Amino acid sequence: GWVDFVERSNERWYYLKMDVEKFF
């Protein structure tokens, strides 16, 4: 829902994907 919403704007949006190393 967020992705669809920001895509309708006139700006170029980016995402930061973070994943913890060997979390458990």
PDBML (XML) file of the C-alpha atoms, coordinates in Angstrom:
<?xml version="1.0" encoding="UTF-8" ?>
<PDBx:datablock datablockName="MODEL"
   xmlns:PDBx="http://pdbml.pdb.org/schema/pdbx-v50.xsd"
   xmlns:xsi="http://www.w3.org/2001/XMLSchema-instance"
   xsi:schemaLocation="http://pdbml.pdb.org/schema/pdbx-v50.xsd pdbx-v50.xsd">
   <PDBx:atom_siteCategory>
      <PDBx:atom_site id="1">
         <PDBx:B_iso_or_equiv>0.00</PDBx:B_iso_or_equiv>
         <PDBx:Cartn_x>0.000</PDBx:Cartn_x>
         <PDBx:Cartn_y>0.000</PDBx:Cartn_y>
         <PDBx:Cartn_z>0.000</PDBx:Cartn_z>
         <PDBx:auth_asym_id>A</PDBx:auth_asym_id>
         <PDBx:auth_atom_id>CA</PDBx:auth_atom_id>
         <PDBx:auth_comp_id>GLY</PDBx:auth_comp_id>
         <PDBx:auth_seq_id>1</PDBx:auth_seq_id>
         <PDBx:group_PDB>ATOM</PDBx:group_PDB>
         <PDBx:label_alt_id xsi:nil="true" />
         <PDBx:label_asym_id>A</PDBx:label_asym_id>
         <PDBx:label_atom_id>CA</PDBx:label_atom_id>
         <PDBx:label_comp_id>GLY</PDBx:label_comp_id>
         <PDBx:label_entity_id>1</PDBx:label_entity_id>
         <PDBx:label_seq_id>1</PDBx:label_seq_id>
         <PDBx:occupancy>1.00</PDBx:occupancy>
         <PDBx:pdbx_PDB_model_num>1</PDBx:pdbx_PDB_model_num>
         <PDBx:type_symbol>C</PDBx:type_symbol>
      </PDBx:atom_site>
      <PDBx:atom_site id="2">
         <PDBx:B_iso_or_equiv>0.00</PDBx:B_iso_or_equiv>
         <PDBx:Cartn_x>2.836</PDBx:Cartn_x>
         <PDBx:Cartn_y>2.389</PDBx:Cartn_y>
         <PDBx:Cartn_z>0.810</PDBx:Cartn_z>
         <PDBx:auth_asym_id>A</PDBx:auth_asym_id>
         <PDBx:auth_atom_id>CA</PDBx:auth_atom_id>
         <PDBx:auth_comp_id>TRP</PDBx:auth_comp_id>
         <PDBx:auth_seq_id>2</PDBx:auth_seq_id>
         <PDBx:group_PDB>ATOM</PDBx:group_PDB>
         <PDBx:label_alt_id xsi:nil="true" />
         <PDBx:label_asym_id>A</PDBx:label_asym_id>
         <PDBx:label_atom_id>CA</PDBx:label_atom_id>
         <PDBx:label_comp_id>TRP</PDBx:label_comp_id>
         <PDBx:label_entity_id>1</PDBx:label_entity_id>
         <PDBx:label_seq_id>2</PDBx:label_seq_id>
         <PDBx:occupancy>1.00</PDBx:occupancy>
         <PDBx:pdbx_PDB_model_num>1</PDBx:pdbx_PDB_model_num>
         <PDBx:type_symbol>C</PDBx:type_symbol>
      </PDBx:atom_site>
      <PDBx:atom_site id="3">
         <PDBx:B_iso_or_equiv>0.00</PDBx:B_iso_or_equiv>
         <PDBx:Cartn_x>4.639</PDBx:Cartn_x>
         <PDBx:Cartn_y>1.527</PDBx:Cartn_y>
         <PDBx:Cartn_z>-2.429</PDBx:Cartn_z>
         <PDBx:auth_asym_id>A</PDBx:auth_asym_id>
         <PDBx:auth_atom_id>CA</PDBx:auth_atom_id>
         <PDBx:auth_comp_id>VAL</PDBx:auth_comp_id>
         <PDBx:auth_seq_id>3</PDBx:auth_seq_id>
         <PDBx:group_PDB>ATOM</PDBx:group_PDB>
         <PDBx:label_alt_id xsi:nil="true" />
         <PDBx:label_asym_id>A</PDBx:label_asym_id>
         <PDBx:label_atom_id>CA</PDBx:label_atom_id>
         <PDBx:label_comp_id>VAL</PDBx:label_comp_id>
         <PDBx:label_entity_id>1</PDBx:label_entity_id>
         <PDBx:label_seq_id>3</PDBx:label_seq_id>
         <PDBx:occupancy>1.00</PDBx:occupancy>
         <PDBx:pdbx_PDB_model_num>1</PDBx:pdbx_PDB_model_num>
         <PDBx:type_symbol>C</PDBx:type_symbol>
      </PDBx:atom_site>
      <PDBx:atom_site id="4">
         <PDBx:B_iso_or_equiv>0.00</PDBx:B_iso_or_equiv>
         <PDBx:Cartn_x>1.523</PDBx:Cartn_x>
         <PDBx:Cartn_y>2.166</PDBx:Cartn_y>
         <PDBx:Cartn_z>-4.525</PDBx:Cartn_z>
         <PDBx:auth_asym_id>A</PDBx:auth_asym_id>
         <PDBx:auth_atom_id>CA</PDBx:auth_atom_id>
         <PDBx:auth_comp_id>ASP</PDBx:auth_comp_id>
         <PDBx:auth_seq_id>4</PDBx:auth_seq_id>
         <PDBx:group_PDB>ATOM</PDBx:group_PDB>
         <PDBx:label_alt_id xsi:nil="true" />
         <PDBx:label_asym_id>A</PDBx:label_asym_id>
         <PDBx:label_atom_id>CA</PDBx:label_atom_id>
         <PDBx:label_comp_id>ASP</PDBx:label_comp_id>
         <PDBx:label_entity_id>1</PDBx:label_entity_id>
         <PDBx:label_seq_id>4</PDBx:label_seq_id>
         <PDBx:occupancy>1.00</PDBx:occupancy>
         <PDBx:pdbx_PDB_model_num>1</PDBx:pdbx_PDB_model_num>
         <PDBx:type_symbol>C</PDBx:type_symbol>
      </PDBx:atom_site>
      <PDBx:atom_site id="5">
         <PDBx:B_iso_or_equiv>0.00</PDBx:B_iso_or_equiv>
         <PDBx:Cartn_x>0.877</PDBx:Cartn_x>
         <PDBx:Cartn_y>5.424</PDBx:Cartn_y>
         <PDBx:Cartn_z>-2.660</PDBx:Cartn_z>
         <PDBx:auth_asym_id>A</PDBx:auth_asym_id>
         <PDBx:auth_atom_id>CA</PDBx:auth_atom_id>
         <PDBx:auth_comp_id>PHE</PDBx:auth_comp_id>
         <PDBx:auth_seq_id>5</PDBx:auth_seq_id>
         <PDBx:group_PDB>ATOM</PDBx:group_PDB>
         <PDBx:label_alt_id xsi:nil="true" />
         <PDBx:label_asym_id>A</PDBx:label_asym_id>
         <PDBx:label_atom_id>CA</PDBx:label_atom_id>
         <PDBx:label_comp_id>PHE</PDBx:label_comp_id>
         <PDBx:label_entity_id>1</PDBx:label_entity_id>
         <PDBx:label_seq_id>5</PDBx:label_seq_id>
         <PDBx:occupancy>1.00</PDBx:occupancy>
         <PDBx:pdbx_PDB_model_num>1</PDBx:pdbx_PDB_model_num>
         <PDBx:type_symbol>C</PDBx:type_symbol>
      </PDBx:atom_site>
      <PDBx:atom_site id="6">
         <PDBx:B_iso_or_equiv>0.00</PDBx:B_iso_or_equiv>
         <PDBx:Cartn_x>4.344</PDBx:Cartn_x>
         <PDBx:Cartn_y>6.909</PDBx:Cartn_y>
         <PDBx:Cartn_z>-3.099</PDBx:Cartn_z>
         <PDBx:auth_asym_id>A</PDBx:auth_asym_id>
         <PDBx:auth_atom_id>CA</PDBx:auth_atom_id>
         <PDBx:auth_comp_id>VAL</PDBx:auth_comp_id>
         <PDBx:auth_seq_id>6</PDBx:auth_seq_id>
         <PDBx:group_PDB>ATOM</PDBx:group_PDB>
         <PDBx:label_alt_id xsi:nil="true" />
         <PDBx:label_asym_id>A</PDBx:label_asym_id>
         <PDBx:label_atom_id>CA</PDBx:label_atom_id>
         <PDBx:label_comp_id>VAL</PDBx:label_comp_id>
         <PDBx:label_entity_id>1</PDBx:label_entity_id>
         <PDBx:label_seq_id>6</PDBx:label_seq_id>
         <PDBx:occupancy>1.00</PDBx:occupancy>
         <PDBx:pdbx_PDB_model_num>1</PDBx:pdbx_PDB_model_num>
         <PDBx:type_symbol>C</PDBx:type_symbol>
      </PDBx:atom_site>
      <PDBx:atom_site id="7">
         <PDBx:B_iso_or_equiv>0.00</PDBx:B_iso_or_equiv>
         <PDBx:Cartn_x>4.447</PDBx:Cartn_x>
         <PDBx:Cartn_y>5.829</PDBx:Cartn_y>
         <PDBx:Cartn_z>-6.753</PDBx:Cartn_z>
         <PDBx:auth_asym_id>A</PDBx:auth_asym_id>
         <PDBx:auth_atom_id>CA</PDBx:auth_atom_id>
         <PDBx:auth_comp_id>GLU</PDBx:auth_comp_id>
         <PDBx:auth_seq_id>7</PDBx:auth_seq_id>
         <PDBx:group_PDB>ATOM</PDBx:group_PDB>
         <PDBx:label_alt_id xsi:nil="true" />
         <PDBx:label_asym_id>A</PDBx:label_asym_id>
         <PDBx:label_atom_id>CA</PDBx:label_atom_id>
         <PDBx:label_comp_id>GLU</PDBx:label_comp_id>
         <PDBx:label_entity_id>1</PDBx:label_entity_id>
         <PDBx:label_seq_id>7</PDBx:label_seq_id>
         <PDBx:occupancy>1.00</PDBx:occupancy>
         <PDBx:pdbx_PDB_model_num>1</PDBx:pdbx_PDB_model_num>
         <PDBx:type_symbol>C</PDBx:type_symbol>
      </PDBx:atom_site>
      <PDBx:atom_site id="8">
         <PDBx:B_iso_or_equiv>0.00</PDBx:B_iso_or_equiv>
         <PDBx:Cartn_x>1.577</PDBx:Cartn_x>
         <PDBx:Cartn_y>8.235</PDBx:Cartn_y>
         <PDBx:Cartn_z>-7.433</PDBx:Cartn_z>
         <PDBx:auth_asym_id>A</PDBx:auth_asym_id>
         <PDBx:auth_atom_id>CA</PDBx:auth_atom_id>
         <PDBx:auth_comp_id>ARG</PDBx:auth_comp_id>
         <PDBx:auth_seq_id>8</PDBx:auth_seq_id>
         <PDBx:group_PDB>ATOM</PDBx:group_PDB>
         <PDBx:label_alt_id xsi:nil="true" />
         <PDBx:label_asym_id>A</PDBx:label_asym_id>
         <PDBx:label_atom_id>CA</PDBx:label_atom_id>
         <PDBx:label_comp_id>ARG</PDBx:label_comp_id>
         <PDBx:label_entity_id>1</PDBx:label_entity_id>
         <PDBx:label_seq_id>8</PDBx:label_seq_id>
         <PDBx:occupancy>1.00</PDBx:occupancy>
         <PDBx:pdbx_PDB_model_num>1</PDBx:pdbx_PDB_model_num>
         <PDBx:type_symbol>C</PDBx:type_symbol>
      </PDBx:atom_site>
      <PDBx:atom_site id="9">
         <PDBx:B_iso_or_equiv>0.00</PDBx:B_iso_or_equiv>
         <PDBx:Cartn_x>3.700</PDBx:Cartn_x>
         <PDBx:Cartn_y>11.186</PDBx:Cartn_y>
         <PDBx:Cartn_z>-6.323</PDBx:Cartn_z>
         <PDBx:auth_asym_id>A</PDBx:auth_asym_id>
         <PDBx:auth_atom_id>CA</PDBx:auth_atom_id>
         <PDBx:auth_comp_id>SER</PDBx:auth_comp_id>
         <PDBx:auth_seq_id>9</PDBx:auth_seq_id>
         <PDBx:group_PDB>ATOM</PDBx:group_PDB>
         <PDBx:label_alt_id xsi:nil="true" />
         <PDBx:label_asym_id>A</PDBx:label_asym_id>
         <PDBx:label_atom_id>CA</PDBx:label_atom_id>
         <PDBx:label_comp_id>SER</PDBx:label_comp_id>
         <PDBx:label_entity_id>1</PDBx:label_entity_id>
         <PDBx:label_seq_id>9</PDBx:label_seq_id>
         <PDBx:occupancy>1.00</PDBx:occupancy>
         <PDBx:pdbx_PDB_model_num>1</PDBx:pdbx_PDB_model_num>
         <PDBx:type_symbol>C</PDBx:type_symbol>
      </PDBx:atom_site>
      <PDBx:atom_site id="10">
         <PDBx:B_iso_or_equiv>0.00</PDBx:B_iso_or_equiv>
         <PDBx:Cartn_x>5.815</PDBx:Cartn_x>
         <PDBx:Cartn_y>13.272</PDBx:Cartn_y>
         <PDBx:Cartn_z>-8.657</PDBx:Cartn_z>
         <PDBx:auth_asym_id>A</PDBx:auth_asym_id>
         <PDBx:auth_atom_id>CA</PDBx:auth_atom_id>
         <PDBx:auth_comp_id>ASN</PDBx:auth_comp_id>
         <PDBx:auth_seq_id>10</PDBx:auth_seq_id>
         <PDBx:group_PDB>ATOM</PDBx:group_PDB>
         <PDBx:label_alt_id xsi:nil="true" />
         <PDBx:label_asym_id>A</PDBx:label_asym_id>
         <PDBx:label_atom_id>CA</PDBx:label_atom_id>
         <PDBx:label_comp_id>ASN</PDBx:label_comp_id>
         <PDBx:label_entity_id>1</PDBx:label_entity_id>
         <PDBx:label_seq_id>10</PDBx:label_seq_id>
         <PDBx:occupancy>1.00</PDBx:occupancy>
         <PDBx:pdbx_PDB_model_num>1</PDBx:pdbx_PDB_model_num>
         <PDBx:type_symbol>C</PDBx:type_symbol>
      </PDBx:atom_site>
      <PDBx:atom_site id="11">
         <PDBx:B_iso_or_equiv>0.00</PDBx:B_iso_or_equiv>
         <PDBx:Cartn_x>9.004</PDBx:Cartn_x>
         <PDBx:Cartn_y>12.238</PDBx:Cartn_y>
         <PDBx:Cartn_z>-6.879</PDBx:Cartn_z>
         <PDBx:auth_asym_id>A</PDBx:auth_asym_id>
         <PDBx:auth_atom_id>CA</PDBx:auth_atom_id>
         <PDBx:auth_comp_id>GLU</PDBx:auth_comp_id>
         <PDBx:auth_seq_id>11</PDBx:auth_seq_id>
         <PDBx:group_PDB>ATOM</PDBx:group_PDB>
         <PDBx:label_alt_id xsi:nil="true" />
         <PDBx:label_asym_id>A</PDBx:label_asym_id>
         <PDBx:label_atom_id>CA</PDBx:label_atom_id>
         <PDBx:label_comp_id>GLU</PDBx:label_comp_id>
         <PDBx:label_entity_id>1</PDBx:label_entity_id>
         <PDBx:label_seq_id>11</PDBx:label_seq_id>
         <PDBx:occupancy>1.00</PDBx:occupancy>
         <PDBx:pdbx_PDB_model_num>1</PDBx:pdbx_PDB_model_num>
         <PDBx:type_symbol>C</PDBx:type_symbol>
      </PDBx:atom_site>
      <PDBx:atom_site id="12">
         <PDBx:B_iso_or_equiv>0.00</PDBx:B_iso_or_equiv>
         <PDBx:Cartn_x>11.418</PDBx:Cartn_x>
         <PDBx:Cartn_y>9.359</PDBx:Cartn_y>
         <PDBx:Cartn_z>-7.269</PDBx:Cartn_z>
         <PDBx:auth_asym_id>A</PDBx:auth_asym_id>
         <PDBx:auth_atom_id>CA</PDBx:auth_atom_id>
         <PDBx:auth_comp_id>ARG</PDBx:auth_comp_id>
         <PDBx:auth_seq_id>12</PDBx:auth_seq_id>
         <PDBx:group_PDB>ATOM</PDBx:group_PDB>
         <PDBx:label_alt_id xsi:nil="true" />
         <PDBx:label_asym_id>A</PDBx:label_asym_id>
         <PDBx:label_atom_id>CA</PDBx:label_atom_id>
         <PDBx:label_comp_id>ARG</PDBx:label_comp_id>
         <PDBx:label_entity_id>1</PDBx:label_entity_id>
         <PDBx:label_seq_id>12</PDBx:label_seq_id>
         <PDBx:occupancy>1.00</PDBx:occupancy>
         <PDBx:pdbx_PDB_model_num>1</PDBx:pdbx_PDB_model_num>
         <PDBx:type_symbol>C</PDBx:type_symbol>
      </PDBx:atom_site>
      <PDBx:atom_site id="13">
         <PDBx:B_iso_or_equiv>0.00</PDBx:B_iso_or_equiv>
         <PDBx:Cartn_x>11.259</PDBx:Cartn_x>
         <PDBx:Cartn_y>7.258</PDBx:Cartn_y>
         <PDBx:Cartn_z>-4.092</PDBx:Cartn_z>
         <PDBx:auth_asym_id>A</PDBx:auth_asym_id>
         <PDBx:auth_atom_id>CA</PDBx:auth_atom_id>
         <PDBx:auth_comp_id>TRP</PDBx:auth_comp_id>
         <PDBx:auth_seq_id>13</PDBx:auth_seq_id>
         <PDBx:group_PDB>ATOM</PDBx:group_PDB>
         <PDBx:label_alt_id xsi:nil="true" />
         <PDBx:label_asym_id>A</PDBx:label_asym_id>
         <PDBx:label_atom_id>CA</PDBx:label_atom_id>
         <PDBx:label_comp_id>TRP</PDBx:label_comp_id>
         <PDBx:label_entity_id>1</PDBx:label_entity_id>
         <PDBx:label_seq_id>13</PDBx:label_seq_id>
         <PDBx:occupancy>1.00</PDBx:occupancy>
         <PDBx:pdbx_PDB_model_num>1</PDBx:pdbx_PDB_model_num>
         <PDBx:type_symbol>C</PDBx:type_symbol>
      </PDBx:atom_site>
      <PDBx:atom_site id="14">
         <PDBx:B_iso_or_equiv>0.00</PDBx:B_iso_or_equiv>
         <PDBx:Cartn_x>13.874</PDBx:Cartn_x>
         <PDBx:Cartn_y>4.880</PDBx:Cartn_y>
         <PDBx:Cartn_z>-2.719</PDBx:Cartn_z>
         <PDBx:auth_asym_id>A</PDBx:auth_asym_id>
         <PDBx:auth_atom_id>CA</PDBx:auth_atom_id>
         <PDBx:auth_comp_id>TYR</PDBx:auth_comp_id>
         <PDBx:auth_seq_id>14</PDBx:auth_seq_id>
         <PDBx:group_PDB>ATOM</PDBx:group_PDB>
         <PDBx:label_alt_id xsi:nil="true" />
         <PDBx:label_asym_id>A</PDBx:label_asym_id>
         <PDBx:label_atom_id>CA</PDBx:label_atom_id>
         <PDBx:label_comp_id>TYR</PDBx:label_comp_id>
         <PDBx:label_entity_id>1</PDBx:label_entity_id>
         <PDBx:label_seq_id>14</PDBx:label_seq_id>
         <PDBx:occupancy>1.00</PDBx:occupancy>
         <PDBx:pdbx_PDB_model_num>1</PDBx:pdbx_PDB_model_num>
         <PDBx:type_symbol>C</PDBx:type_symbol>
      </PDBx:atom_site>
      <PDBx:atom_site id="15">
         <PDBx:B_iso_or_equiv>0.00</PDBx:B_iso_or_equiv>
         <PDBx:Cartn_x>13.881</PDBx:Cartn_x>
         <PDBx:Cartn_y>2.108</PDBx:Cartn_y>
         <PDBx:Cartn_z>-0.160</PDBx:Cartn_z>
         <PDBx:auth_asym_id>A</PDBx:auth_asym_id>
         <PDBx:auth_atom_id>CA</PDBx:auth_atom_id>
         <PDBx:auth_comp_id>TYR</PDBx:auth_comp_id>
         <PDBx:auth_seq_id>15</PDBx:auth_seq_id>
         <PDBx:group_PDB>ATOM</PDBx:group_PDB>
         <PDBx:label_alt_id xsi:nil="true" />
         <PDBx:label_asym_id>A</PDBx:label_asym_id>
         <PDBx:label_atom_id>CA</PDBx:label_atom_id>
         <PDBx:label_comp_id>TYR</PDBx:label_comp_id>
         <PDBx:label_entity_id>1</PDBx:label_entity_id>
         <PDBx:label_seq_id>15</PDBx:label_seq_id>
         <PDBx:occupancy>1.00</PDBx:occupancy>
         <PDBx:pdbx_PDB_model_num>1</PDBx:pdbx_PDB_model_num>
         <PDBx:type_symbol>C</PDBx:type_symbol>
      </PDBx:atom_site>
      <PDBx:atom_site id="16">
         <PDBx:B_iso_or_equiv>0.00</PDBx:B_iso_or_equiv>
         <PDBx:Cartn_x>16.427</PDBx:Cartn_x>
         <PDBx:Cartn_y>1.026</PDBx:Cartn_y>
         <PDBx:Cartn_z>2.424</PDBx:Cartn_z>
         <PDBx:auth_asym_id>A</PDBx:auth_asym_id>
         <PDBx:auth_atom_id>CA</PDBx:auth_atom_id>
         <PDBx:auth_comp_id>LEU</PDBx:auth_comp_id>
         <PDBx:auth_seq_id>16</PDBx:auth_seq_id>
         <PDBx:group_PDB>ATOM</PDBx:group_PDB>
         <PDBx:label_alt_id xsi:nil="true" />
         <PDBx:label_asym_id>A</PDBx:label_asym_id>
         <PDBx:label_atom_id>CA</PDBx:label_atom_id>
         <PDBx:label_comp_id>LEU</PDBx:label_comp_id>
         <PDBx:label_entity_id>1</PDBx:label_entity_id>
         <PDBx:label_seq_id>16</PDBx:label_seq_id>
         <PDBx:occupancy>1.00</PDBx:occupancy>
         <PDBx:pdbx_PDB_model_num>1</PDBx:pdbx_PDB_model_num>
         <PDBx:type_symbol>C</PDBx:type_symbol>
      </PDBx:atom_site>
      <PDBx:atom_site id="17">
         <PDBx:B_iso_or_equiv>0.00</PDBx:B_iso_or_equiv>
         <PDBx:Cartn_x>16.306</PDBx:Cartn_x>
         <PDBx:Cartn_y>-2.709</PDBx:Cartn_y>
         <PDBx:Cartn_z>3.093</PDBx:Cartn_z>
         <PDBx:auth_asym_id>A</PDBx:auth_asym_id>
         <PDBx:auth_atom_id>CA</PDBx:auth_atom_id>
         <PDBx:auth_comp_id>LYS</PDBx:auth_comp_id>
         <PDBx:auth_seq_id>17</PDBx:auth_seq_id>
         <PDBx:group_PDB>ATOM</PDBx:group_PDB>
         <PDBx:label_alt_id xsi:nil="true" />
         <PDBx:label_asym_id>A</PDBx:label_asym_id>
         <PDBx:label_atom_id>CA</PDBx:label_atom_id>
         <PDBx:label_comp_id>LYS</PDBx:label_comp_id>
         <PDBx:label_entity_id>1</PDBx:label_entity_id>
         <PDBx:label_seq_id>17</PDBx:label_seq_id>
         <PDBx:occupancy>1.00</PDBx:occupancy>
         <PDBx:pdbx_PDB_model_num>1</PDBx:pdbx_PDB_model_num>
         <PDBx:type_symbol>C</PDBx:type_symbol>
      </PDBx:atom_site>
      <PDBx:atom_site id="18">
         <PDBx:B_iso_or_equiv>0.00</PDBx:B_iso_or_equiv>
         <PDBx:Cartn_x>18.119</PDBx:Cartn_x>
         <PDBx:Cartn_y>-3.838</PDBx:Cartn_y>
         <PDBx:Cartn_z>6.234</PDBx:Cartn_z>
         <PDBx:auth_asym_id>A</PDBx:auth_asym_id>
         <PDBx:auth_atom_id>CA</PDBx:auth_atom_id>
         <PDBx:auth_comp_id>MET</PDBx:auth_comp_id>
         <PDBx:auth_seq_id>18</PDBx:auth_seq_id>
         <PDBx:group_PDB>ATOM</PDBx:group_PDB>
         <PDBx:label_alt_id xsi:nil="true" />
         <PDBx:label_asym_id>A</PDBx:label_asym_id>
         <PDBx:label_atom_id>CA</PDBx:label_atom_id>
         <PDBx:label_comp_id>MET</PDBx:label_comp_id>
         <PDBx:label_entity_id>1</PDBx:label_entity_id>
         <PDBx:label_seq_id>18</PDBx:label_seq_id>
         <PDBx:occupancy>1.00</PDBx:occupancy>
         <PDBx:pdbx_PDB_model_num>1</PDBx:pdbx_PDB_model_num>
         <PDBx:type_symbol>C</PDBx:type_symbol>
      </PDBx:atom_site>
      <PDBx:atom_site id="19">
         <PDBx:B_iso_or_equiv>0.00</PDBx:B_iso_or_equiv>
         <PDBx:Cartn_x>18.732</PDBx:Cartn_x>
         <PDBx:Cartn_y>-7.409</PDBx:Cartn_y>
         <PDBx:Cartn_z>7.310</PDBx:Cartn_z>
         <PDBx:auth_asym_id>A</PDBx:auth_asym_id>
         <PDBx:auth_atom_id>CA</PDBx:auth_atom_id>
         <PDBx:auth_comp_id>ASP</PDBx:auth_comp_id>
         <PDBx:auth_seq_id>19</PDBx:auth_seq_id>
         <PDBx:group_PDB>ATOM</PDBx:group_PDB>
         <PDBx:label_alt_id xsi:nil="true" />
         <PDBx:label_asym_id>A</PDBx:label_asym_id>
         <PDBx:label_atom_id>CA</PDBx:label_atom_id>
         <PDBx:label_comp_id>ASP</PDBx:label_comp_id>
         <PDBx:label_entity_id>1</PDBx:label_entity_id>
         <PDBx:label_seq_id>19</PDBx:label_seq_id>
         <PDBx:occupancy>1.00</PDBx:occupancy>
         <PDBx:pdbx_PDB_model_num>1</PDBx:pdbx_PDB_model_num>
         <PDBx:type_symbol>C</PDBx:type_symbol>
      </PDBx:atom_site>
      <PDBx:atom_site id="20">
         <PDBx:B_iso_or_equiv>0.00</PDBx:B_iso_or_equiv>
         <PDBx:Cartn_x>20.550</PDBx:Cartn_x>
         <PDBx:Cartn_y>-8.339</PDBx:Cartn_y>
         <PDBx:Cartn_z>10.528</PDBx:Cartn_z>
         <PDBx:auth_asym_id>A</PDBx:auth_asym_id>
         <PDBx:auth_atom_id>CA</PDBx:auth_atom_id>
         <PDBx:auth_comp_id>VAL</PDBx:auth_comp_id>
         <PDBx:auth_seq_id>20</PDBx:auth_seq_id>
         <PDBx:group_PDB>ATOM</PDBx:group_PDB>
         <PDBx:label_alt_id xsi:nil="true" />
         <PDBx:label_asym_id>A</PDBx:label_asym_id>
         <PDBx:label_atom_id>CA</PDBx:label_atom_id>
         <PDBx:label_comp_id>VAL</PDBx:label_comp_id>
         <PDBx:label_entity_id>1</PDBx:label_entity_id>
         <PDBx:label_seq_id>20</PDBx:label_seq_id>
         <PDBx:occupancy>1.00</PDBx:occupancy>
         <PDBx:pdbx_PDB_model_num>1</PDBx:pdbx_PDB_model_num>
         <PDBx:type_symbol>C</PDBx:type_symbol>
      </PDBx:atom_site>
      <PDBx:atom_site id="21">
         <PDBx:B_iso_or_equiv>0.00</PDBx:B_iso_or_equiv>
         <PDBx:Cartn_x>23.478</PDBx:Cartn_x>
         <PDBx:Cartn_y>-10.699</PDBx:Cartn_y>
         <PDBx:Cartn_z>10.106</PDBx:Cartn_z>
         <PDBx:auth_asym_id>A</PDBx:auth_asym_id>
         <PDBx:auth_atom_id>CA</PDBx:auth_atom_id>
         <PDBx:auth_comp_id>GLU</PDBx:auth_comp_id>
         <PDBx:auth_seq_id>21</PDBx:auth_seq_id>
         <PDBx:group_PDB>ATOM</PDBx:group_PDB>
         <PDBx:label_alt_id xsi:nil="true" />
         <PDBx:label_asym_id>A</PDBx:label_asym_id>
         <PDBx:label_atom_id>CA</PDBx:label_atom_id>
         <PDBx:label_comp_id>GLU</PDBx:label_comp_id>
         <PDBx:label_entity_id>1</PDBx:label_entity_id>
         <PDBx:label_seq_id>21</PDBx:label_seq_id>
         <PDBx:occupancy>1.00</PDBx:occupancy>
         <PDBx:pdbx_PDB_model_num>1</PDBx:pdbx_PDB_model_num>
         <PDBx:type_symbol>C</PDBx:type_symbol>
      </PDBx:atom_site>
      <PDBx:atom_site id="22">
         <PDBx:B_iso_or_equiv>0.00</PDBx:B_iso_or_equiv>
         <PDBx:Cartn_x>22.800</PDBx:Cartn_x>
         <PDBx:Cartn_y>-14.131</PDBx:Cartn_y>
         <PDBx:Cartn_z>11.681</PDBx:Cartn_z>
         <PDBx:auth_asym_id>A</PDBx:auth_asym_id>
         <PDBx:auth_atom_id>CA</PDBx:auth_atom_id>
         <PDBx:auth_comp_id>LYS</PDBx:auth_comp_id>
         <PDBx:auth_seq_id>22</PDBx:auth_seq_id>
         <PDBx:group_PDB>ATOM</PDBx:group_PDB>
         <PDBx:label_alt_id xsi:nil="true" />
         <PDBx:label_asym_id>A</PDBx:label_asym_id>
         <PDBx:label_atom_id>CA</PDBx:label_atom_id>
         <PDBx:label_comp_id>LYS</PDBx:label_comp_id>
         <PDBx:label_entity_id>1</PDBx:label_entity_id>
         <PDBx:label_seq_id>22</PDBx:label_seq_id>
         <PDBx:occupancy>1.00</PDBx:occupancy>
         <PDBx:pdbx_PDB_model_num>1</PDBx:pdbx_PDB_model_num>
         <PDBx:type_symbol>C</PDBx:type_symbol>
      </PDBx:atom_site>
      <PDBx:atom_site id="23">
         <PDBx:B_iso_or_equiv>0.00</PDBx:B_iso_or_equiv>
         <PDBx:Cartn_x>20.220</PDBx:Cartn_x>
         <PDBx:Cartn_y>-12.598</PDBx:Cartn_y>
         <PDBx:Cartn_z>13.979</PDBx:Cartn_z>
         <PDBx:auth_asym_id>A</PDBx:auth_asym_id>
         <PDBx:auth_atom_id>CA</PDBx:auth_atom_id>
         <PDBx:auth_comp_id>PHE</PDBx:auth_comp_id>
         <PDBx:auth_seq_id>23</PDBx:auth_seq_id>
         <PDBx:group_PDB>ATOM</PDBx:group_PDB>
         <PDBx:label_alt_id xsi:nil="true" />
         <PDBx:label_asym_id>A</PDBx:label_asym_id>
         <PDBx:label_atom_id>CA</PDBx:label_atom_id>
         <PDBx:label_comp_id>PHE</PDBx:label_comp_id>
         <PDBx:label_entity_id>1</PDBx:label_entity_id>
         <PDBx:label_seq_id>23</PDBx:label_seq_id>
         <PDBx:occupancy>1.00</PDBx:occupancy>
         <PDBx:pdbx_PDB_model_num>1</PDBx:pdbx_PDB_model_num>
         <PDBx:type_symbol>C</PDBx:type_symbol>
      </PDBx:atom_site>
      <PDBx:atom_site id="24">
         <PDBx:B_iso_or_equiv>0.00</PDBx:B_iso_or_equiv>
         <PDBx:Cartn_x>19.244</PDBx:Cartn_x>
         <PDBx:Cartn_y>-15.597</PDBx:Cartn_y>
         <PDBx:Cartn_z>16.108</PDBx:Cartn_z>
         <PDBx:auth_asym_id>A</PDBx:auth_asym_id>
         <PDBx:auth_atom_id>CA</PDBx:auth_atom_id>
         <PDBx:auth_comp_id>PHE</PDBx:auth_comp_id>
         <PDBx:auth_seq_id>24</PDBx:auth_seq_id>
         <PDBx:group_PDB>ATOM</PDBx:group_PDB>
         <PDBx:label_alt_id xsi:nil="true" />
         <PDBx:label_asym_id>A</PDBx:label_asym_id>
         <PDBx:label_atom_id>CA</PDBx:label_atom_id>
         <PDBx:label_comp_id>PHE</PDBx:label_comp_id>
         <PDBx:label_entity_id>1</PDBx:label_entity_id>
         <PDBx:label_seq_id>24</PDBx:label_seq_id>
         <PDBx:occupancy>1.00</PDBx:occupancy>
         <PDBx:pdbx_PDB_model_num>1</PDBx:pdbx_PDB_model_num>
         <PDBx:type_symbol>C</PDBx:type_symbol>
      </PDBx:atom_site>
   </PDBx:atom_siteCategory>
</PDBx:datablock>
